[in-house]
Amino acid sequence: MWSKVRELAPLVPMLAAGLAGAQGSPLPPEDTLLVPDWRTPRVMAFSRLDGSLVNANFITPAQARTSITVPKEAIRVLDEVWVSDQLENRIMRFTLDGRTFLGDFSTRAMSGIENVRGFEATCGKVYVACGAGAHAGKVAVLDLLTGLVVTATATGAQPFDVQLARTELIVSDFSEGRLVRLNYDGSRGDAMVALGSGFGPQQVVRLPGERFLVASYSPTPPGRIQELDASGALVRTHSVPQTLLVAAHPLANGNILFTTRLAVYVLNTTTGASAPVVTDVDAHYINSLAPKAFHPADWDRNGVVDFNDLLAFLNDFNAG
């Protein structure tokens, strides 16, 4: 009997990951990273501690009972998970455990968003990188409550991601190989850094200390993961043998989880070696399930900065 148990033991982690769709992530939100997969349309969950797969089916079309085709990014918005889909041309809302589809935040019919890539939500607005349609080559700024367009700003030929920074947003411009700044009101700031026309930046990940990670979607080896400071200056470069890198995210143990169109890998930043965690996937952006910090002016913590925040502040102030 014990010999049979030993034979089956290596299958336990895989079985657990495959069955975890019924229970969300077994880890707390702050230790969970979400990664969409195009090969089998879904959102997977990984451990922020060591990069291991903890739930292969955090969100699936069958489980959520909605169509999911090419999910690009999954982020936490308040107490929900929102997922952008490039082919479906919409941003979907799910419960925090990924089990229940709550409806669409916005669609092409509502706001003209098309070929939806990365997006960010803050200060009562949602900033969406669009690759086609009415907002092609622009970041569409939508109202958080209505899903309707407030404005749209040209940020380069191919915007691929929008990342919240301390006082602004950072947009990756894929075709021109650079990062540009965007103000909260949707107006364009200055260029942050030129990475080179062949770099092909997709996701931008914010690090502690106002630093950023960006990976190179280039077919030419070696693959590069660059760490930048707040000014855009290069801090360090991690080189890997893999190419066509989509995203990179730091892990709690000091290593880096990164995605390609073929697999999800962990880079050992001490040895420089990279090892696959999951293969036979088409993996995209990586985001933490941890709650994001609210804007200081969002006193009632509802994701919108408005007159109600002033009333909430005055009420708390008067209450002592």
Protein backbone atom coordinates (compact mmCIF):
# COMPACT_ATOMS: atom_id res chain seq x y z
CA MET A 1 0.00 0.00 0.00
CA TRP A 2 2.76 2.44 0.97
CA SER A 3 4.55 1.89 -2.33
CA LYS A 4 1.36 2.93 -4.12
CA VAL A 5 1.12 6.04 -1.95
CA ARG A 6 4.71 6.94 -2.86
CA GLU A 7 3.87 6.55 -6.56
CA LEU A 8 0.89 8.90 -6.29
CA ALA A 9 2.57 11.48 -4.05
CA PRO A 10 4.07 13.55 -6.93
CA LEU A 11 0.58 13.95 -8.41
CA VAL A 12 -0.88 15.59 -5.32
CA PRO A 13 0.25 19.19 -6.11
CA MET A 14 -1.05 18.90 -9.68
CA LEU A 15 -4.37 17.51 -8.52
CA ALA A 16 -4.68 20.24 -5.92
CA ALA A 17 -4.02 22.93 -8.50
CA GLY A 18 -6.48 21.42 -10.93
CA LEU A 19 -9.26 21.09 -8.35
CA ALA A 20 -8.69 24.43 -6.67
CA GLY A 21 -11.11 26.14 -9.05
CA ALA A 22 -13.84 25.16 -6.62
CA GLN A 23 -12.20 27.03 -3.75
CA GLY A 24 -10.50 30.11 -5.23
CA SER A 25 -6.92 30.59 -4.09
CA PRO A 26 -5.80 28.58 -1.05
CA LEU A 27 -3.54 31.53 -0.16
CA PRO A 28 -4.60 34.90 1.24
CA PRO A 29 -5.05 37.68 -1.36
CA GLU A 30 -1.75 39.36 -0.49
CA ASP A 31 0.10 36.12 -1.35
CA THR A 32 -1.78 35.42 -4.59
CA LEU A 33 -0.76 36.45 -8.12
CA LEU A 34 -3.21 36.25 -11.04
CA VAL A 35 -2.09 35.33 -14.57
CA PRO A 36 -4.44 35.03 -17.59
CA ASP A 37 -3.88 32.22 -20.10
CA TRP A 38 -4.94 32.32 -23.75
CA ARG A 39 -4.18 28.66 -24.58
CA THR A 40 -6.97 27.47 -22.30
CA PRO A 41 -8.92 30.70 -21.71
CA ARG A 42 -8.81 31.19 -17.96
CA VAL A 43 -7.09 33.03 -15.12
CA MET A 44 -4.53 31.07 -13.10
CA ALA A 45 -3.35 31.80 -9.55
CA PHE A 46 0.26 31.57 -8.37
CA SER A 47 1.97 31.99 -5.03
CA ARG A 48 3.66 35.35 -4.47
CA LEU A 49 5.91 33.57 -1.99
CA ASP A 50 7.73 31.25 -4.41
CA GLY A 51 5.90 31.39 -7.77
CA SER A 52 4.31 27.95 -7.51
CA LEU A 53 0.95 27.29 -9.17
CA VAL A 54 -1.81 27.19 -6.56
CA ASN A 55 -4.92 27.18 -8.78
CA ALA A 56 -4.88 26.43 -12.50
CA ASN A 57 -8.54 27.45 -12.80
CA PHE A 58 -9.10 30.51 -10.64
CA ILE A 59 -11.49 31.86 -13.30
CA THR A 60 -12.79 29.76 -16.22
CA PRO A 61 -15.62 30.35 -18.73
CA ALA A 62 -17.52 27.27 -17.51
CA GLN A 63 -17.14 28.19 -13.87
CA ALA A 64 -18.10 31.84 -14.40
CA ARG A 65 -20.74 31.00 -17.04
CA THR A 66 -19.57 33.70 -19.41
CA SER A 67 -17.48 33.83 -22.57
CA ILE A 68 -13.75 34.35 -22.05
CA THR A 69 -11.55 34.25 -25.16
CA VAL A 70 -8.21 36.04 -24.79
CA PRO A 71 -7.96 37.46 -21.25
CA LYS A 72 -5.07 39.93 -21.07
CA GLU A 73 -5.05 41.27 -17.51
CA ALA A 74 -6.77 40.46 -14.21
CA ILE A 75 -6.62 43.06 -11.44
CA ARG A 76 -8.32 43.67 -8.15
CA VAL A 77 -10.74 46.62 -8.12
CA LEU A 78 -12.13 47.25 -4.63
CA ASP A 79 -13.40 43.79 -3.58
CA GLU A 80 -13.76 42.33 -7.07
CA VAL A 81 -11.53 40.90 -9.80
CA TRP A 82 -11.79 42.62 -13.18
CA VAL A 83 -10.51 40.96 -16.37
CA SER A 84 -9.84 42.57 -19.75
CA ASP A 85 -10.39 40.49 -22.90
CA GLN A 86 -8.72 41.60 -26.14
CA LEU A 87 -11.04 39.73 -28.48
CA GLU A 88 -14.26 40.12 -26.52
CA ASN A 89 -13.60 43.89 -26.32
CA ARG A 90 -14.78 44.21 -22.75
CA ILE A 91 -13.78 44.34 -19.10
CA MET A 92 -15.53 41.73 -16.96
CA ARG A 93 -16.26 41.77 -13.22
CA PHE A 94 -15.97 38.73 -10.94
CA THR A 95 -16.25 38.09 -7.23
CA LEU A 96 -12.96 38.18 -5.35
CA ASP A 97 -12.76 34.38 -5.25
CA GLY A 98 -13.23 34.21 -9.04
CA ARG A 99 -16.28 31.96 -8.83
CA THR A 100 -19.06 34.29 -9.92
CA PHE A 101 -19.40 36.56 -12.96
CA LEU A 102 -20.95 39.87 -11.89
CA GLY A 103 -21.42 41.41 -15.34
CA ASP A 104 -19.42 43.73 -17.56
CA PHE A 105 -17.86 46.94 -16.35
CA SER A 106 -17.66 48.22 -19.92
CA THR A 107 -17.84 46.95 -23.50
CA ARG A 108 -17.16 48.19 -27.02
CA ALA A 109 -20.85 49.01 -27.40
CA MET A 110 -20.83 51.08 -24.21
CA SER A 111 -17.58 53.00 -24.52
CA GLY A 112 -15.86 52.12 -27.79
CA ILE A 113 -13.05 50.15 -26.10
CA GLU A 114 -11.57 47.65 -28.56
CA ASN A 115 -8.56 45.33 -28.54
CA VAL A 116 -8.46 45.94 -24.79
CA ARG A 117 -5.06 45.34 -23.23
CA GLY A 118 -3.85 46.45 -19.81
CA PHE A 119 -5.89 48.74 -17.58
CA GLU A 120 -5.79 50.47 -14.21
CA ALA A 121 -8.43 51.76 -11.78
CA THR A 122 -7.91 54.68 -9.43
CA CYS A 123 -9.49 57.96 -8.33
CA GLY A 124 -12.92 57.04 -9.69
CA LYS A 125 -11.61 56.34 -13.18
CA VAL A 126 -10.51 53.32 -15.19
CA TYR A 127 -7.66 53.82 -17.67
CA VAL A 128 -7.78 51.36 -20.58
CA ALA A 129 -5.05 50.77 -23.18
CA CYS A 130 -6.81 50.27 -26.54
CA GLY A 131 -5.32 48.89 -29.74
CA ALA A 132 -8.16 49.35 -32.22
CA GLY A 133 -11.48 51.04 -32.91
CA ALA A 134 -12.53 54.49 -31.78
CA HIS A 135 -9.69 54.73 -29.27
CA ALA A 136 -6.94 53.00 -31.26
CA GLY A 137 -3.52 54.05 -30.00
CA LYS A 138 -5.06 55.78 -27.00
CA VAL A 139 -5.74 55.29 -23.33
CA ALA A 140 -9.50 55.57 -22.85
CA VAL A 141 -10.46 57.05 -19.48
CA LEU A 142 -13.76 55.63 -18.22
CA ASP A 143 -15.93 56.59 -15.27
CA LEU A 144 -15.64 53.92 -12.56
CA LEU A 145 -19.36 54.02 -11.77
CA THR A 146 -20.84 54.12 -15.29
CA GLY A 147 -18.23 52.51 -17.56
CA LEU A 148 -18.64 55.40 -19.99
CA VAL A 149 -15.82 57.39 -21.62
CA VAL A 150 -14.67 60.59 -19.98
CA THR A 151 -11.79 61.25 -22.38
CA ALA A 152 -9.17 59.44 -24.46
CA THR A 153 -5.51 60.35 -24.85
CA ALA A 154 -3.03 59.35 -27.54
CA THR A 155 0.04 57.88 -25.84
CA GLY A 156 1.78 56.22 -28.79
CA ALA A 157 0.91 53.88 -31.63
CA GLN A 158 0.44 50.79 -29.46
CA PRO A 159 -0.30 51.35 -25.74
CA PHE A 160 -0.20 48.01 -23.92
CA ASP A 161 -0.48 48.74 -20.22
CA VAL A 162 -1.37 51.42 -17.69
CA GLN A 163 0.28 51.28 -14.26
CA LEU A 164 -0.45 53.43 -11.25
CA ALA A 165 2.54 55.38 -9.91
CA ARG A 166 2.78 57.72 -6.94
CA THR A 167 1.40 60.88 -8.58
CA GLU A 168 0.61 59.74 -12.13
CA LEU A 169 0.22 56.72 -14.39
CA ILE A 170 2.83 54.98 -16.54
CA VAL A 171 1.85 53.73 -20.02
CA SER A 172 3.90 51.26 -22.07
CA ASP A 173 4.19 52.10 -25.77
CA PHE A 174 4.93 48.79 -27.47
CA SER A 175 5.74 49.89 -31.03
CA GLU A 176 7.97 52.82 -30.05
CA GLY A 177 9.64 50.93 -27.21
CA ARG A 178 9.13 53.47 -24.46
CA LEU A 179 7.22 54.36 -21.32
CA VAL A 180 5.24 57.60 -21.14
CA ARG A 181 3.54 59.42 -18.28
CA LEU A 182 -0.18 60.07 -18.02
CA ASN A 183 -1.83 62.46 -15.57
CA TYR A 184 -4.86 61.42 -13.51
CA ASP A 185 -7.08 63.73 -15.57
CA GLY A 186 -6.12 61.79 -18.69
CA SER A 187 -3.78 64.42 -20.12
CA ARG A 188 -0.43 63.22 -21.38
CA GLY A 189 2.76 63.94 -19.49
CA ASP A 190 6.32 63.64 -20.75
CA ALA A 191 8.19 60.55 -21.90
CA MET A 192 9.64 58.55 -19.01
CA VAL A 193 12.23 56.42 -20.78
CA ALA A 194 13.11 55.10 -24.24
CA LEU A 195 13.76 51.36 -24.02
CA GLY A 196 14.51 50.96 -27.72
CA SER A 197 12.35 50.14 -30.74
CA GLY A 198 13.05 46.40 -30.44
CA PHE A 199 12.28 46.12 -26.72
CA GLY A 200 8.50 45.80 -27.06
CA PRO A 201 7.33 46.60 -23.51
CA GLN A 202 3.97 45.17 -22.50
CA GLN A 203 3.14 45.11 -18.77
CA VAL A 204 4.68 47.59 -16.33
CA VAL A 205 4.83 46.41 -12.69
CA ARG A 206 5.35 48.86 -9.84
CA LEU A 207 7.83 47.90 -7.11
CA PRO A 208 8.36 49.28 -3.60
CA GLY A 209 10.41 52.46 -3.52
CA GLU A 210 8.77 53.73 -6.72
CA ARG A 211 10.67 51.42 -9.03
CA PHE A 212 9.29 49.46 -11.99
CA LEU A 213 9.78 46.11 -13.74
CA VAL A 214 9.26 45.74 -17.47
CA ALA A 215 10.01 42.73 -19.67
CA SER A 216 11.13 42.65 -23.31
CA TYR A 217 8.75 41.14 -25.85
CA SER A 218 11.55 40.60 -28.35
CA PRO A 219 12.28 37.51 -30.47
CA THR A 220 16.02 38.14 -30.15
CA PRO A 221 17.78 36.44 -27.22
CA PRO A 222 18.54 37.01 -24.48
CA GLY A 223 15.22 37.96 -22.96
CA ARG A 224 15.51 40.99 -20.71
CA ILE A 225 13.76 42.05 -17.52
CA GLN A 226 14.66 45.61 -16.65
CA GLU A 227 14.27 47.38 -13.33
CA LEU A 228 13.87 51.15 -13.58
CA ASP A 229 13.77 53.89 -10.98
CA ALA A 230 11.12 56.63 -10.79
CA SER A 231 12.95 58.75 -13.36
CA GLY A 232 13.21 55.88 -15.83
CA ALA A 233 16.91 55.29 -15.23
CA LEU A 234 18.07 51.68 -15.48
CA VAL A 235 18.77 50.08 -12.09
CA ARG A 236 19.59 46.56 -13.28
CA THR A 237 18.91 44.08 -16.08
CA HIS A 238 18.11 40.39 -15.64
CA SER A 239 18.88 38.27 -18.72
CA VAL A 240 17.13 34.96 -19.46
CA PRO A 241 17.40 32.53 -22.40
CA GLN A 242 13.66 32.75 -23.09
CA THR A 243 12.33 35.30 -25.59
CA LEU A 244 9.00 37.07 -26.16
CA LEU A 245 8.60 37.93 -22.48
CA VAL A 246 5.21 39.42 -21.65
CA ALA A 247 5.40 40.29 -17.95
CA ALA A 248 7.57 40.00 -14.84
CA HIS A 249 6.65 40.28 -11.16
CA PRO A 250 8.80 40.08 -8.01
CA LEU A 251 8.31 37.26 -5.51
CA ALA A 252 8.62 37.45 -1.74
CA ASN A 253 11.73 35.24 -1.78
CA GLY A 254 13.60 37.69 -4.02
CA ASN A 255 13.10 35.78 -7.27
CA ILE A 256 11.00 36.89 -10.25
CA LEU A 257 7.96 35.24 -11.84
CA PHE A 258 7.77 35.94 -15.58
CA THR A 259 5.51 34.95 -18.45
CA THR A 260 5.99 34.15 -22.12
CA ARG A 261 3.66 32.99 -24.88
CA LEU A 262 4.69 29.40 -24.07
CA ALA A 263 5.12 29.10 -20.30
CA VAL A 264 5.38 30.68 -16.86
CA TYR A 265 8.87 30.72 -15.32
CA VAL A 266 10.63 31.60 -12.09
CA LEU A 267 13.96 33.39 -12.38
CA ASN A 268 16.42 32.74 -9.57
CA THR A 269 17.96 36.18 -9.19
CA THR A 270 20.96 34.76 -7.32
CA THR A 271 22.04 32.13 -9.85
CA GLY A 272 20.46 33.64 -12.97
CA ALA A 273 18.78 30.31 -13.80
CA SER A 274 15.14 30.19 -14.90
CA ALA A 275 12.86 27.19 -14.47
CA PRO A 276 9.36 26.56 -15.87
CA VAL A 277 6.44 26.45 -13.45
CA VAL A 278 3.73 25.79 -16.03
CA THR A 279 4.16 24.91 -19.71
CA ASP A 280 1.73 24.62 -22.62
CA VAL A 281 0.16 27.97 -21.76
CA ASP A 282 0.01 31.38 -23.44
CA ALA A 283 0.53 33.50 -20.35
CA HIS A 284 0.09 37.25 -20.02
CA TYR A 285 0.07 39.94 -17.31
CA ILE A 286 0.79 39.25 -13.63
CA ASN A 287 -1.02 41.08 -10.82
CA SER A 288 -1.36 40.75 -7.08
CA LEU A 289 -4.76 39.99 -5.59
CA ALA A 290 -3.89 42.18 -2.60
CA PRO A 291 -6.02 45.31 -2.11
CA LYS A 292 -4.47 48.44 -3.55
CA ALA A 293 -3.83 51.54 -1.52
CA PHE A 294 -6.58 54.13 -1.82
CA HIS A 295 -5.94 57.69 -2.95
CA PRO A 296 -5.53 59.88 0.17
CA ALA A 297 -8.54 61.97 -0.88
CA ASP A 298 -10.78 58.90 -1.16
CA TRP A 299 -11.86 59.20 2.48
CA ASP A 300 -14.84 56.83 2.26
CA ARG A 301 -12.74 54.20 0.43
CA ASN A 302 -15.18 53.55 -2.43
CA GLY A 303 -12.72 54.11 -5.28
CA VAL A 304 -14.17 57.51 -6.21
CA VAL A 305 -12.88 60.93 -5.15
CA ASP A 306 -15.93 63.19 -4.87
CA PHE A 307 -17.91 65.50 -2.59
CA ASN A 308 -18.96 62.55 -0.44
CA ASP A 309 -15.33 62.17 0.66
CA LEU A 310 -15.38 65.70 2.07
CA LEU A 311 -18.59 64.91 3.95
CA ALA A 312 -17.10 61.67 5.29
CA PHE A 313 -13.96 63.51 6.41
CA LEU A 314 -15.95 66.24 8.17
CA ASN A 315 -18.12 63.62 9.85
CA ASP A 316 -15.07 61.74 11.16
CA PHE A 317 -13.38 64.99 12.20
CA ASN A 318 -16.43 66.14 14.15
CA ALA A 319 -16.75 62.71 15.76
CA GLY A 320 -13.25 63.16 17.14
